[in-house]
Amino acid sequence: MRSKGCDQSSRCPVEACLEIIGGKWKGVILFHLLGGPKRFNELHRLLPNVTQRILVRQLRELEADKIVVRTIYPEVPPKVEYSLSEFGMTLKPILRLLREWGVNYLNQKLGSSAESVGTRWIR
């Protein structure tokens, strides 16, 4: 039985959501932006395994989808910050639930050693 809103004649809302926030880095970028605006290098430090090129691409896609706002401050040198848009903030409960599910998954998979991994993400 198909869920309401996911039939063959129309687009599935879950598919639409995953298209926007899916991928290896977008969810993690969005989770870090829950804590407030971040500069590019700050995000890059929080995500040491992502290349600058990929981070730029992911941020541009999130900005194009109106999930992230890029603010340029008229300073020398220029200051650029990324933050969640008002619409992006509606992802807050979803991202927190994903984090909680991830902690539970890691605890189940790795045992008690995952607790320290999970607690560093608590905000």
PDB file of N, CA and C in Angstrom:
ATOM      1  N   MET A   1       0.844  -1.185   0.000  1.00  0.00           N
ATOM      2  CA  MET A   1       0.000   0.000   0.000  1.00  0.00           C
ATOM      3  C   MET A   1       0.887   1.245   0.000  1.00  0.00           C
ATOM      4  N   ARG A   2       0.627   2.159  -0.891  1.00  0.00           N
ATOM      5  CA  ARG A   2       1.418   3.388  -0.993  1.00  0.00           C
ATOM      6  C   ARG A   2       0.933   4.409   0.029  1.00  0.00           C
ATOM      7  N   SER A   3       1.890   5.208   0.506  1.00  0.00           N
ATOM      8  CA  SER A   3       1.547   6.293   1.409  1.00  0.00           C
ATOM      9  C   SER A   3       0.825   7.378   0.636  1.00  0.00           C
ATOM     10  N   LYS A   4      -0.019   8.115   1.337  1.00  0.00           N
ATOM     11  CA  LYS A   4      -0.725   9.227   0.729  1.00  0.00           C
ATOM     12  C   LYS A   4       0.300  10.229   0.198  1.00  0.00           C
ATOM     13  N   GLY A   5       0.124  10.652  -1.041  1.00  0.00           N
ATOM     14  CA  GLY A   5       1.031  11.627  -1.630  1.00  0.00           C
ATOM     15  C   GLY A   5       2.187  11.010  -2.393  1.00  0.00           C
ATOM     16  N   CYS A   6       2.292   9.685  -2.405  1.00  0.00           N
ATOM     17  CA  CYS A   6       3.383   9.021  -3.133  1.00  0.00           C
ATOM     18  C   CYS A   6       2.786   8.029  -4.116  1.00  0.00           C
ATOM     19  N   ASP A   7       2.199   8.539  -5.189  1.00  0.00           N
ATOM     20  CA  ASP A   7       1.679   7.639  -6.206  1.00  0.00           C
ATOM     21  C   ASP A   7       2.427   7.842  -7.512  1.00  0.00           C
ATOM     22  N   GLN A   8       2.117   7.043  -8.484  1.00  0.00           N
ATOM     23  CA  GLN A   8       2.866   7.069  -9.740  1.00  0.00           C
ATOM     24  C   GLN A   8       2.584   8.315 -10.562  1.00  0.00           C
ATOM     25  N   SER A   9       1.440   8.958 -10.340  1.00  0.00           N
ATOM     26  CA  SER A   9       1.088  10.111 -11.173  1.00  0.00           C
ATOM     27  C   SER A   9       1.601  11.434 -10.614  1.00  0.00           C
ATOM     28  N   SER A  10       2.063  11.461  -9.377  1.00  0.00           N
ATOM     29  CA  SER A  10       2.584  12.707  -8.810  1.00  0.00           C
ATOM     30  C   SER A  10       3.917  12.446  -8.124  1.00  0.00           C
ATOM     31  N   ARG A  11       4.585  13.511  -7.828  1.00  0.00           N
ATOM     32  CA  ARG A  11       5.901  13.416  -7.203  1.00  0.00           C
ATOM     33  C   ARG A  11       5.764  13.102  -5.715  1.00  0.00           C
ATOM     34  N   CYS A  12       6.595  12.241  -5.220  1.00  0.00           N
ATOM     35  CA  CYS A  12       6.571  11.844  -3.810  1.00  0.00           C
ATOM     36  C   CYS A  12       7.220  12.943  -2.966  1.00  0.00           C
ATOM     37  N   PRO A  13       6.552  13.425  -1.923  1.00  0.00           N
ATOM     38  CA  PRO A  13       7.121  14.458  -1.061  1.00  0.00           C
ATOM     39  C   PRO A  13       8.422  14.034  -0.388  1.00  0.00           C
ATOM     40  N   VAL A  14       8.567  12.764  -0.046  1.00  0.00           N
ATOM     41  CA  VAL A  14       9.805  12.283   0.573  1.00  0.00           C
ATOM     42  C   VAL A  14      10.946  12.380  -0.436  1.00  0.00           C
ATOM     43  N   GLU A  15      10.666  12.017  -1.672  1.00  0.00           N
ATOM     44  CA  GLU A  15      11.662  12.127  -2.729  1.00  0.00           C
ATOM     45  C   GLU A  15      12.083  13.582  -2.918  1.00  0.00           C
ATOM     46  N   ALA A  16      11.118  14.499  -2.903  1.00  0.00           N
ATOM     47  CA  ALA A  16      11.409  15.930  -3.059  1.00  0.00           C
ATOM     48  C   ALA A  16      12.298  16.421  -1.918  1.00  0.00           C
ATOM     49  N   CYS A  17      11.996  16.005  -0.706  1.00  0.00           N
ATOM     50  CA  CYS A  17      12.796  16.407   0.464  1.00  0.00           C
ATOM     51  C   CYS A  17      14.218  15.884   0.355  1.00  0.00           C
ATOM     52  N   LEU A  18      14.351  14.618   0.029  1.00  0.00           N
ATOM     53  CA  LEU A  18      15.683  14.017  -0.068  1.00  0.00           C
ATOM     54  C   LEU A  18      16.492  14.602  -1.224  1.00  0.00           C
ATOM     55  N   GLU A  19      15.814  15.060  -2.264  1.00  0.00           N
ATOM     56  CA  GLU A  19      16.505  15.731  -3.358  1.00  0.00           C
ATOM     57  C   GLU A  19      17.181  17.003  -2.860  1.00  0.00           C
ATOM     58  N   ILE A  20      16.537  17.704  -1.948  1.00  0.00           N
ATOM     59  CA  ILE A  20      17.058  18.975  -1.434  1.00  0.00           C
ATOM     60  C   ILE A  20      18.112  18.767  -0.365  1.00  0.00           C
ATOM     61  N   ILE A  21      17.841  17.909   0.609  1.00  0.00           N
ATOM     62  CA  ILE A  21      18.775  17.765   1.742  1.00  0.00           C
ATOM     63  C   ILE A  21      19.614  16.506   1.674  1.00  0.00           C
ATOM     64  N   GLY A  22      19.393  15.697   0.634  1.00  0.00           N
ATOM     65  CA  GLY A  22      20.141  14.457   0.493  1.00  0.00           C
ATOM     66  C   GLY A  22      21.579  14.694   0.079  1.00  0.00           C
ATOM     67  N   GLY A  23      22.304  13.657  -0.031  1.00  0.00           N
ATOM     68  CA  GLY A  23      23.710  13.761  -0.382  1.00  0.00           C
ATOM     69  C   GLY A  23      24.559  13.595   0.866  1.00  0.00           C
ATOM     70  N   LYS A  24      25.827  13.456   0.649  1.00  0.00           N
ATOM     71  CA  LYS A  24      26.729  13.139   1.757  1.00  0.00           C
ATOM     72  C   LYS A  24      26.905  14.289   2.742  1.00  0.00           C
ATOM     73  N   TRP A  25      26.867  15.543   2.276  1.00  0.00           N
ATOM     74  CA  TRP A  25      27.249  16.658   3.141  1.00  0.00           C
ATOM     75  C   TRP A  25      26.134  17.628   3.489  1.00  0.00           C
ATOM     76  N   LYS A  26      25.069  17.694   2.711  1.00  0.00           N
ATOM     77  CA  LYS A  26      24.050  18.717   2.940  1.00  0.00           C
ATOM     78  C   LYS A  26      23.421  18.636   4.323  1.00  0.00           C
ATOM     79  N   GLY A  27      23.055  17.453   4.757  1.00  0.00           N
ATOM     80  CA  GLY A  27      22.446  17.309   6.075  1.00  0.00           C
ATOM     81  C   GLY A  27      23.373  17.758   7.186  1.00  0.00           C
ATOM     82  N   VAL A  28      24.645  17.446   7.066  1.00  0.00           N
ATOM     83  CA  VAL A  28      25.630  17.823   8.083  1.00  0.00           C
ATOM     84  C   VAL A  28      25.848  19.337   8.061  1.00  0.00           C
ATOM     85  N   ILE A  29      25.911  19.917   6.877  1.00  0.00           N
ATOM     86  CA  ILE A  29      26.030  21.377   6.763  1.00  0.00           C
ATOM     87  C   ILE A  29      24.841  22.037   7.442  1.00  0.00           C
ATOM     88  N   LEU A  30      23.653  21.569   7.128  1.00  0.00           N
ATOM     89  CA  LEU A  30      22.444  22.147   7.717  1.00  0.00           C
ATOM     90  C   LEU A  30      22.428  21.979   9.231  1.00  0.00           C
ATOM     91  N   PHE A  31      22.860  20.833   9.709  1.00  0.00           N
ATOM     92  CA  PHE A  31      22.893  20.610  11.157  1.00  0.00           C
ATOM     93  C   PHE A  31      23.820  21.616  11.833  1.00  0.00           C
ATOM     94  N   HIS A  32      24.977  21.864  11.251  1.00  0.00           N
ATOM     95  CA  HIS A  32      25.911  22.833  11.834  1.00  0.00           C
ATOM     96  C   HIS A  32      25.353  24.252  11.782  1.00  0.00           C
ATOM     97  N   LEU A  33      24.567  24.554  10.778  1.00  0.00           N
ATOM     98  CA  LEU A  33      23.979  25.888  10.682  1.00  0.00           C
ATOM     99  C   LEU A  33      22.845  26.103  11.670  1.00  0.00           C
ATOM    100  N   LEU A  34      22.347  25.029  12.284  1.00  0.00           N
ATOM    101  CA  LEU A  34      21.345  25.179  13.344  1.00  0.00           C
ATOM    102  C   LEU A  34      21.898  26.008  14.498  1.00  0.00           C
ATOM    103  N   GLY A  35      23.202  25.934  14.716  1.00  0.00           N
ATOM    104  CA  GLY A  35      23.841  26.662  15.806  1.00  0.00           C
ATOM    105  C   GLY A  35      24.041  28.141  15.505  1.00  0.00           C
ATOM    106  N   GLY A  36      23.667  28.588  14.319  1.00  0.00           N
ATOM    107  CA  GLY A  36      23.812  29.989  13.946  1.00  0.00           C
ATOM    108  C   GLY A  36      24.672  30.140  12.714  1.00  0.00           C
ATOM    109  N   PRO A  37      24.809  31.378  12.242  1.00  0.00           N
ATOM    110  CA  PRO A  37      25.574  31.635  11.019  1.00  0.00           C
ATOM    111  C   PRO A  37      27.021  31.170  11.142  1.00  0.00           C
ATOM    112  N   LYS A  38      27.552  30.712  10.015  1.00  0.00           N
ATOM    113  CA  LYS A  38      28.938  30.246   9.969  1.00  0.00           C
ATOM    114  C   LYS A  38      29.599  30.816   8.728  1.00  0.00           C
ATOM    115  N   ARG A  39      30.870  31.146   8.860  1.00  0.00           N
ATOM    116  CA  ARG A  39      31.662  31.546   7.702  1.00  0.00           C
ATOM    117  C   ARG A  39      32.135  30.278   6.997  1.00  0.00           C
ATOM    118  N   PHE A  40      32.549  30.429   5.741  1.00  0.00           N
ATOM    119  CA  PHE A  40      32.946  29.277   4.937  1.00  0.00           C
ATOM    120  C   PHE A  40      34.048  28.468   5.618  1.00  0.00           C
ATOM    121  N   ASN A  41      35.112  29.145   6.055  1.00  0.00           N
ATOM    122  CA  ASN A  41      36.237  28.422   6.672  1.00  0.00           C
ATOM    123  C   ASN A  41      35.832  27.735   7.971  1.00  0.00           C
ATOM    124  N   GLU A  42      34.893  28.321   8.680  1.00  0.00           N
ATOM    125  CA  GLU A  42      34.382  27.695   9.898  1.00  0.00           C
ATOM    126  C   GLU A  42      33.663  26.393   9.552  1.00  0.00           C
ATOM    127  N   LEU A  43      32.840  26.425   8.511  1.00  0.00           N
ATOM    128  CA  LEU A  43      32.170  25.201   8.062  1.00  0.00           C
ATOM    129  C   LEU A  43      33.185  24.171   7.591  1.00  0.00           C
ATOM    130  N   HIS A  44      34.190  24.625   6.882  1.00  0.00           N
ATOM    131  CA  HIS A  44      35.205  23.707   6.360  1.00  0.00           C
ATOM    132  C   HIS A  44      35.968  23.035   7.507  1.00  0.00           C
ATOM    133  N   ARG A  45      36.225  23.774   8.575  1.00  0.00           N
ATOM    134  CA  ARG A  45      36.884  23.167   9.746  1.00  0.00           C
ATOM    135  C   ARG A  45      35.983  22.139  10.418  1.00  0.00           C
ATOM    136  N   LEU A  46      34.676  22.407  10.431  1.00  0.00           N
ATOM    137  CA  LEU A  46      33.729  21.467  11.034  1.00  0.00           C
ATOM    138  C   LEU A  46      33.560  20.206  10.190  1.00  0.00           C
ATOM    139  N   LEU A  47      33.888  20.307   8.903  1.00  0.00           N
ATOM    140  CA  LEU A  47      33.757  19.188   7.959  1.00  0.00           C
ATOM    141  C   LEU A  47      35.104  18.932   7.294  1.00  0.00           C
ATOM    142  N   PRO A  48      36.077  18.439   8.039  1.00  0.00           N
ATOM    143  CA  PRO A  48      37.440  18.314   7.497  1.00  0.00           C
ATOM    144  C   PRO A  48      37.563  17.331   6.334  1.00  0.00           C
ATOM    145  N   ASN A  49      36.620  16.436   6.159  1.00  0.00           N
ATOM    146  CA  ASN A  49      36.722  15.438   5.085  1.00  0.00           C
ATOM    147  C   ASN A  49      36.090  15.883   3.775  1.00  0.00           C
ATOM    148  N   VAL A  50      35.508  17.077   3.746  1.00  0.00           N
ATOM    149  CA  VAL A  50      34.903  17.579   2.513  1.00  0.00           C
ATOM    150  C   VAL A  50      35.882  18.544   1.842  1.00  0.00           C
ATOM    151  N   THR A  51      35.969  18.453   0.515  1.00  0.00           N
ATOM    152  CA  THR A  51      36.843  19.378  -0.203  1.00  0.00           C
ATOM    153  C   THR A  51      36.163  20.746  -0.293  1.00  0.00           C
ATOM    154  N   GLN A  52      36.958  21.779  -0.518  1.00  0.00           N
ATOM    155  CA  GLN A  52      36.400  23.127  -0.664  1.00  0.00           C
ATOM    156  C   GLN A  52      35.441  23.183  -1.850  1.00  0.00           C
ATOM    157  N   ARG A  53      35.810  22.530  -2.926  1.00  0.00           N
ATOM    158  CA  ARG A  53      34.974  22.527  -4.126  1.00  0.00           C
ATOM    159  C   ARG A  53      33.591  21.939  -3.851  1.00  0.00           C
ATOM    160  N   ILE A  54      33.561  20.823  -3.160  1.00  0.00           N
ATOM    161  CA  ILE A  54      32.282  20.175  -2.851  1.00  0.00           C
ATOM    162  C   ILE A  54      31.484  21.032  -1.875  1.00  0.00           C
ATOM    163  N   LEU A  55      32.147  21.602  -0.875  1.00  0.00           N
ATOM    164  CA  LEU A  55      31.450  22.449   0.095  1.00  0.00           C
ATOM    165  C   LEU A  55      30.818  23.652  -0.603  1.00  0.00           C
ATOM    166  N   VAL A  56      31.551  24.278  -1.501  1.00  0.00           N
ATOM    167  CA  VAL A  56      31.011  25.412  -2.267  1.00  0.00           C
ATOM    168  C   VAL A  56      29.790  24.965  -3.062  1.00  0.00           C
ATOM    169  N   ARG A  57      29.903  23.823  -3.734  1.00  0.00           N
ATOM    170  CA  ARG A  57      28.789  23.321  -4.547  1.00  0.00           C
ATOM    171  C   ARG A  57      27.552  23.044  -3.693  1.00  0.00           C
ATOM    172  N   GLN A  58      27.759  22.387  -2.558  1.00  0.00           N
ATOM    173  CA  GLN A  58      26.624  22.064  -1.693  1.00  0.00           C
ATOM    174  C   GLN A  58      25.960  23.324  -1.143  1.00  0.00           C
ATOM    175  N   LEU A  59      26.778  24.300  -0.736  1.00  0.00           N
ATOM    176  CA  LEU A  59      26.230  25.558  -0.229  1.00  0.00           C
ATOM    177  C   LEU A  59      25.461  26.306  -1.325  1.00  0.00           C
ATOM    178  N   ARG A  60      25.992  26.316  -2.537  1.00  0.00           N
ATOM    179  CA  ARG A  60      25.300  26.986  -3.653  1.00  0.00           C
ATOM    180  C   ARG A  60      23.964  26.314  -3.956  1.00  0.00           C
ATOM    181  N   GLU A  61      23.941  24.982  -3.920  1.00  0.00           N
ATOM    182  CA  GLU A  61      22.692  24.263  -4.169  1.00  0.00           C
ATOM    183  C   GLU A  61      21.670  24.568  -3.074  1.00  0.00           C
ATOM    184  N   LEU A  62      22.108  24.576  -1.820  1.00  0.00           N
ATOM    185  CA  LEU A  62      21.201  24.889  -0.713  1.00  0.00           C
ATOM    186  C   LEU A  62      20.703  26.329  -0.803  1.00  0.00           C
ATOM    187  N   GLU A  63      21.572  27.222  -1.257  1.00  0.00           N
ATOM    188  CA  GLU A  63      21.170  28.618  -1.443  1.00  0.00           C
ATOM    189  C   GLU A  63      20.154  28.727  -2.590  1.00  0.00           C
ATOM    190  N   ALA A  64      20.394  28.035  -3.683  1.00  0.00           N
ATOM    191  CA  ALA A  64      19.473  28.052  -4.824  1.00  0.00           C
ATOM    192  C   ALA A  64      18.108  27.493  -4.442  1.00  0.00           C
ATOM    193  N   ASP A  65      18.099  26.544  -3.514  1.00  0.00           N
ATOM    194  CA  ASP A  65      16.845  25.931  -3.060  1.00  0.00           C
ATOM    195  C   ASP A  65      16.188  26.724  -1.929  1.00  0.00           C
ATOM    196  N   LYS A  66      16.762  27.877  -1.591  1.00  0.00           N
ATOM    197  CA  LYS A  66      16.211  28.794  -0.570  1.00  0.00           C
ATOM    198  C   LYS A  66      16.220  28.191   0.835  1.00  0.00           C
ATOM    199  N   ILE A  67      17.164  27.279   1.084  1.00  0.00           N
ATOM    200  CA  ILE A  67      17.315  26.663   2.400  1.00  0.00           C
ATOM    201  C   ILE A  67      18.373  27.416   3.201  1.00  0.00           C
ATOM    202  N   VAL A  68      19.390  27.911   2.503  1.00  0.00           N
ATOM    203  CA  VAL A  68      20.499  28.632   3.121  1.00  0.00           C
ATOM    204  C   VAL A  68      20.554  30.040   2.533  1.00  0.00           C
ATOM    205  N   VAL A  69      20.910  30.993   3.386  1.00  0.00           N
ATOM    206  CA  VAL A  69      21.094  32.378   2.963  1.00  0.00           C
ATOM    207  C   VAL A  69      22.576  32.704   3.042  1.00  0.00           C
ATOM    208  N   ARG A  70      23.085  33.310   1.996  1.00  0.00           N
ATOM    209  CA  ARG A  70      24.477  33.759   1.951  1.00  0.00           C
ATOM    210  C   ARG A  70      24.463  35.272   2.114  1.00  0.00           C
ATOM    211  N   THR A  71      25.101  35.755   3.189  1.00  0.00           N
ATOM    212  CA  THR A  71      25.130  37.182   3.474  1.00  0.00           C
ATOM    213  C   THR A  71      26.554  37.696   3.288  1.00  0.00           C
ATOM    214  N   ILE A  72      26.681  38.721   2.462  1.00  0.00           N
ATOM    215  CA  ILE A  72      27.978  39.347   2.210  1.00  0.00           C
ATOM    216  C   ILE A  72      27.999  40.692   2.930  1.00  0.00           C
ATOM    217  N   TYR A  73      28.972  40.868   3.804  1.00  0.00           N
ATOM    218  CA  TYR A  73      29.110  42.124   4.539  1.00  0.00           C
ATOM    219  C   TYR A  73      30.118  43.018   3.812  1.00  0.00           C
ATOM    220  N   PRO A  74      29.770  44.301   3.644  1.00  0.00           N
ATOM    221  CA  PRO A  74      30.664  45.221   2.918  1.00  0.00           C
ATOM    222  C   PRO A  74      31.856  45.648   3.782  1.00  0.00           C
ATOM    223  N   GLU A  75      32.799  44.767   3.931  1.00  0.00           N
ATOM    224  CA  GLU A  75      33.994  45.014   4.723  1.00  0.00           C
ATOM    225  C   GLU A  75      35.214  44.687   3.877  1.00  0.00           C
ATOM    226  N   VAL A  76      36.349  45.114   4.341  1.00  0.00           N
ATOM    227  CA  VAL A  76      37.613  44.747   3.705  1.00  0.00           C
ATOM    228  C   VAL A  76      38.448  44.024   4.744  1.00  0.00           C
ATOM    229  N   PRO A  77      38.778  42.760   4.559  1.00  0.00           N
ATOM    230  CA  PRO A  77      38.348  41.886   3.463  1.00  0.00           C
ATOM    231  C   PRO A  77      36.865  41.537   3.589  1.00  0.00           C
ATOM    232  N   PRO A  78      36.230  41.147   2.482  1.00  0.00           N
ATOM    233  CA  PRO A  78      34.799  40.823   2.524  1.00  0.00           C
ATOM    234  C   PRO A  78      34.512  39.691   3.513  1.00  0.00           C
ATOM    235  N   LYS A  79      33.419  39.822   4.217  1.00  0.00           N
ATOM    236  CA  LYS A  79      32.987  38.795   5.167  1.00  0.00           C
ATOM    237  C   LYS A  79      31.707  38.170   4.605  1.00  0.00           C
ATOM    238  N   VAL A  80      31.700  36.846   4.501  1.00  0.00           N
ATOM    239  CA  VAL A  80      30.541  36.116   3.989  1.00  0.00           C
ATOM    240  C   VAL A  80      30.118  35.107   5.048  1.00  0.00           C
ATOM    241  N   GLU A  81      28.837  35.100   5.352  1.00  0.00           N
ATOM    242  CA  GLU A  81      28.293  34.133   6.304  1.00  0.00           C
ATOM    243  C   GLU A  81      27.163  33.355   5.653  1.00  0.00           C
ATOM    244  N   TYR A  82      27.028  32.123   6.096  1.00  0.00           N
ATOM    245  CA  TYR A  82      25.939  31.259   5.663  1.00  0.00           C
ATOM    246  C   TYR A  82      25.057  30.981   6.871  1.00  0.00           C
ATOM    247  N   SER A  83      23.747  31.045   6.656  1.00  0.00           N
ATOM    248  CA  SER A  83      22.809  30.761   7.729  1.00  0.00           C
ATOM    249  C   SER A  83      21.582  30.087   7.126  1.00  0.00           C
ATOM    250  N   LEU A  84      20.786  29.500   7.987  1.00  0.00           N
ATOM    251  CA  LEU A  84      19.544  28.901   7.515  1.00  0.00           C
ATOM    252  C   LEU A  84      18.546  30.007   7.213  1.00  0.00           C
ATOM    253  N   SER A  85      17.825  29.872   6.120  1.00  0.00           N
ATOM    254  CA  SER A  85      16.748  30.805   5.809  1.00  0.00           C
ATOM    255  C   SER A  85      15.585  30.536   6.762  1.00  0.00           C
ATOM    256  N   GLU A  86      14.594  31.387   6.712  1.00  0.00           N
ATOM    257  CA  GLU A  86      13.407  31.154   7.540  1.00  0.00           C
ATOM    258  C   GLU A  86      12.794  29.801   7.192  1.00  0.00           C
ATOM    259  N   PHE A  87      12.734  29.505   5.888  1.00  0.00           N
ATOM    260  CA  PHE A  87      12.206  28.209   5.458  1.00  0.00           C
ATOM    261  C   PHE A  87      13.144  27.080   5.866  1.00  0.00           C
ATOM    262  N   GLY A  88      14.444  27.323   5.785  1.00  0.00           N
ATOM    263  CA  GLY A  88      15.429  26.327   6.202  1.00  0.00           C
ATOM    264  C   GLY A  88      15.292  25.962   7.676  1.00  0.00           C
ATOM    265  N   MET A  89      14.886  26.942   8.480  1.00  0.00           N
ATOM    266  CA  MET A  89      14.704  26.682   9.919  1.00  0.00           C
ATOM    267  C   MET A  89      13.584  25.674  10.181  1.00  0.00           C
ATOM    268  N   THR A  90      12.683  25.492   9.223  1.00  0.00           N
ATOM    269  CA  THR A  90      11.623  24.495   9.409  1.00  0.00           C
ATOM    270  C   THR A  90      12.186  23.074   9.404  1.00  0.00           C
ATOM    271  N   LEU A  91      13.442  22.923   8.974  1.00  0.00           N
ATOM    272  CA  LEU A  91      14.103  21.613   9.003  1.00  0.00           C
ATOM    273  C   LEU A  91      14.648  21.266  10.390  1.00  0.00           C
ATOM    274  N   LYS A  92      14.645  22.214  11.306  1.00  0.00           N
ATOM    275  CA  LYS A  92      15.238  22.015  12.633  1.00  0.00           C
ATOM    276  C   LYS A  92      14.751  20.734  13.327  1.00  0.00           C
ATOM    277  N   PRO A  93      13.449  20.509  13.460  1.00  0.00           N
ATOM    278  CA  PRO A  93      13.029  19.273  14.146  1.00  0.00           C
ATOM    279  C   PRO A  93      13.434  18.016  13.387  1.00  0.00           C
ATOM    280  N   ILE A  94      13.445  18.085  12.071  1.00  0.00           N
ATOM    281  CA  ILE A  94      13.827  16.930  11.262  1.00  0.00           C
ATOM    282  C   ILE A  94      15.307  16.603  11.465  1.00  0.00           C
ATOM    283  N   LEU A  95      16.150  17.637  11.430  1.00  0.00           N
ATOM    284  CA  LEU A  95      17.590  17.435  11.605  1.00  0.00           C
ATOM    285  C   LEU A  95      17.909  16.912  13.000  1.00  0.00           C
ATOM    286  N   ARG A  96      17.199  17.407  13.998  1.00  0.00           N
ATOM    287  CA  ARG A  96      17.431  16.911  15.367  1.00  0.00           C
ATOM    288  C   ARG A  96      17.001  15.454  15.508  1.00  0.00           C
ATOM    289  N   LEU A  97      15.901  15.089  14.855  1.00  0.00           N
ATOM    290  CA  LEU A  97      15.471  13.686  14.884  1.00  0.00           C
ATOM    291  C   LEU A  97      16.461  12.795  14.137  1.00  0.00           C
ATOM    292  N   LEU A  98      16.998  13.292  13.030  1.00  0.00           N
ATOM    293  CA  LEU A  98      18.012  12.524  12.307  1.00  0.00           C
ATOM    294  C   LEU A  98      19.245  12.305  13.183  1.00  0.00           C
ATOM    295  N   ARG A  99      19.652  13.336  13.917  1.00  0.00           N
ATOM    296  CA  ARG A  99      20.779  13.213  14.824  1.00  0.00           C
ATOM    297  C   ARG A  99      20.491  12.169  15.902  1.00  0.00           C
ATOM    298  N   GLU A 100      19.302  12.246  16.477  1.00  0.00           N
ATOM    299  CA  GLU A 100      18.918  11.292  17.517  1.00  0.00           C
ATOM    300  C   GLU A 100      18.896   9.867  16.969  1.00  0.00           C
ATOM    301  N   TRP A 101      18.340   9.699  15.772  1.00  0.00           N
ATOM    302  CA  TRP A 101      18.313   8.382  15.160  1.00  0.00           C
ATOM    303  C   TRP A 101      19.736   7.895  14.913  1.00  0.00           C
ATOM    304  N   GLY A 102      20.613   8.788  14.445  1.00  0.00           N
ATOM    305  CA  GLY A 102      22.008   8.417  14.196  1.00  0.00           C
ATOM    306  C   GLY A 102      22.722   7.976  15.457  1.00  0.00           C
ATOM    307  N   VAL A 103      22.484   8.675  16.563  1.00  0.00           N
ATOM    308  CA  VAL A 103      23.083   8.279  17.847  1.00  0.00           C
ATOM    309  C   VAL A 103      22.594   6.888  18.241  1.00  0.00           C
ATOM    310  N   ASN A 104      21.297   6.660  18.123  1.00  0.00           N
ATOM    311  CA  ASN A 104      20.743   5.342  18.465  1.00  0.00           C
ATOM    312  C   ASN A 104      21.317   4.258  17.568  1.00  0.00           C
ATOM    313  N   TYR A 105      21.443   4.560  16.283  1.00  0.00           N
ATOM    314  CA  TYR A 105      22.007   3.596  15.341  1.00  0.00           C
ATOM    315  C   TYR A 105      23.453   3.276  15.706  1.00  0.00           C
ATOM    316  N   LEU A 106      24.250   4.318  15.948  1.00  0.00           N
ATOM    317  CA  LEU A 106      25.652   4.086  16.305  1.00  0.00           C
ATOM    318  C   LEU A 106      25.774   3.314  17.609  1.00  0.00           C
ATOM    319  N   ASN A 107      24.920   3.608  18.569  1.00  0.00           N
ATOM    320  CA  ASN A 107      24.940   2.865  19.832  1.00  0.00           C
ATOM    321  C   ASN A 107      24.608   1.394  19.602  1.00  0.00           C
ATOM    322  N   GLN A 108      23.643   1.135  18.744  1.00  0.00           N
ATOM    323  CA  GLN A 108      23.268  -0.243  18.439  1.00  0.00           C
ATOM    324  C   GLN A 108      24.394  -0.947  17.681  1.00  0.00           C
ATOM    325  N   LYS A 109      24.967  -0.259  16.701  1.00  0.00           N
ATOM    326  CA  LYS A 109      25.988  -0.866  15.854  1.00  0.00           C
ATOM    327  C   LYS A 109      27.314  -1.026  16.582  1.00  0.00           C
ATOM    328  N   LEU A 110      27.712   0.012  17.309  1.00  0.00           N
ATOM    329  CA  LEU A 110      29.039   0.024  17.925  1.00  0.00           C
ATOM    330  C   LEU A 110      29.034  -0.274  19.426  1.00  0.00           C
ATOM    331  N   GLY A 111      27.875  -0.316  20.017  1.00  0.00           N
ATOM    332  CA  GLY A 111      27.811  -0.523  21.456  1.00  0.00           C
ATOM    333  C   GLY A 111      28.046   0.774  22.199  1.00  0.00           C
ATOM    334  N   SER A 112      28.479   0.695  23.417  1.00  0.00           N
ATOM    335  CA  SER A 112      28.616   1.875  24.265  1.00  0.00           C
ATOM    336  C   SER A 112      29.685   2.836  23.787  1.00  0.00           C
ATOM    337  N   SER A 113      30.603   2.402  22.926  1.00  0.00           N
ATOM    338  CA  SER A 113      31.655   3.296  22.440  1.00  0.00           C
ATOM    339  C   SER A 113      31.087   4.432  21.597  1.00  0.00           C
ATOM    340  N   ALA A 114      29.861   4.287  21.086  1.00  0.00           N
ATOM    341  CA  ALA A 114      29.262   5.324  20.243  1.00  0.00           C
ATOM    342  C   ALA A 114      28.702   6.476  21.066  1.00  0.00           C
ATOM    343  N   GLU A 115      28.528   6.291  22.357  1.00  0.00           N
ATOM    344  CA  GLU A 115      27.935   7.364  23.163  1.00  0.00           C
ATOM    345  C   GLU A 115      28.763   8.626  23.097  1.00  0.00           C
ATOM    346  N   SER A 116      30.073   8.515  23.147  1.00  0.00           N
ATOM    347  CA  SER A 116      30.889   9.721  23.085  1.00  0.00           C
ATOM    348  C   SER A 116      30.784  10.382  21.724  1.00  0.00           C
ATOM    349  N   VAL A 117      30.601   9.598  20.661  1.00  0.00           N
ATOM    350  CA  VAL A 117      30.427  10.157  19.326  1.00  0.00           C
ATOM    351  C   VAL A 117      29.109  10.933  19.271  1.00  0.00           C
ATOM    352  N   GLY A 118      28.056  10.347  19.813  1.00  0.00           N
ATOM    353  CA  GLY A 118      26.741  10.982  19.747  1.00  0.00           C
ATOM    354  C   GLY A 118      26.608  12.227  20.591  1.00  0.00           C
ATOM    355  N   THR A 119      27.266  12.295  21.718  1.00  0.00           N
ATOM    356  CA  THR A 119      27.064  13.422  22.616  1.00  0.00           C
ATOM    357  C   THR A 119      27.748  14.686  22.129  1.00  0.00           C
ATOM    358  N   ARG A 120      28.735  14.587  21.262  1.00  0.00           N
ATOM    359  CA  ARG A 120      29.398  15.805  20.784  1.00  0.00           C
ATOM    360  C   ARG A 120      28.478  16.631  19.876  1.00  0.00           C
ATOM    361  N   TRP A 121      27.394  16.051  19.407  1.00  0.00           N
ATOM    362  CA  TRP A 121      26.484  16.766  18.513  1.00  0.00           C
ATOM    363  C   TRP A 121      25.318  17.410  19.235  1.00  0.00           C
ATOM    364  N   ILE A 122      25.223  17.208  20.531  1.00  0.00           N
ATOM    365  CA  ILE A 122      24.084  17.751  21.277  1.00  0.00           C
ATOM    366  C   ILE A 122      24.217  19.267  21.361  1.00  0.00           C
ATOM    367  N   ARG A 123      23.145  19.937  21.024  1.00  0.00           N
ATOM    368  CA  ARG A 123      23.097  21.400  21.083  1.00  0.00           C
ATOM    369  C   ARG A 123      21.907  21.837  21.881  1.00  0.00           C
TER     370      ARG A 123
END
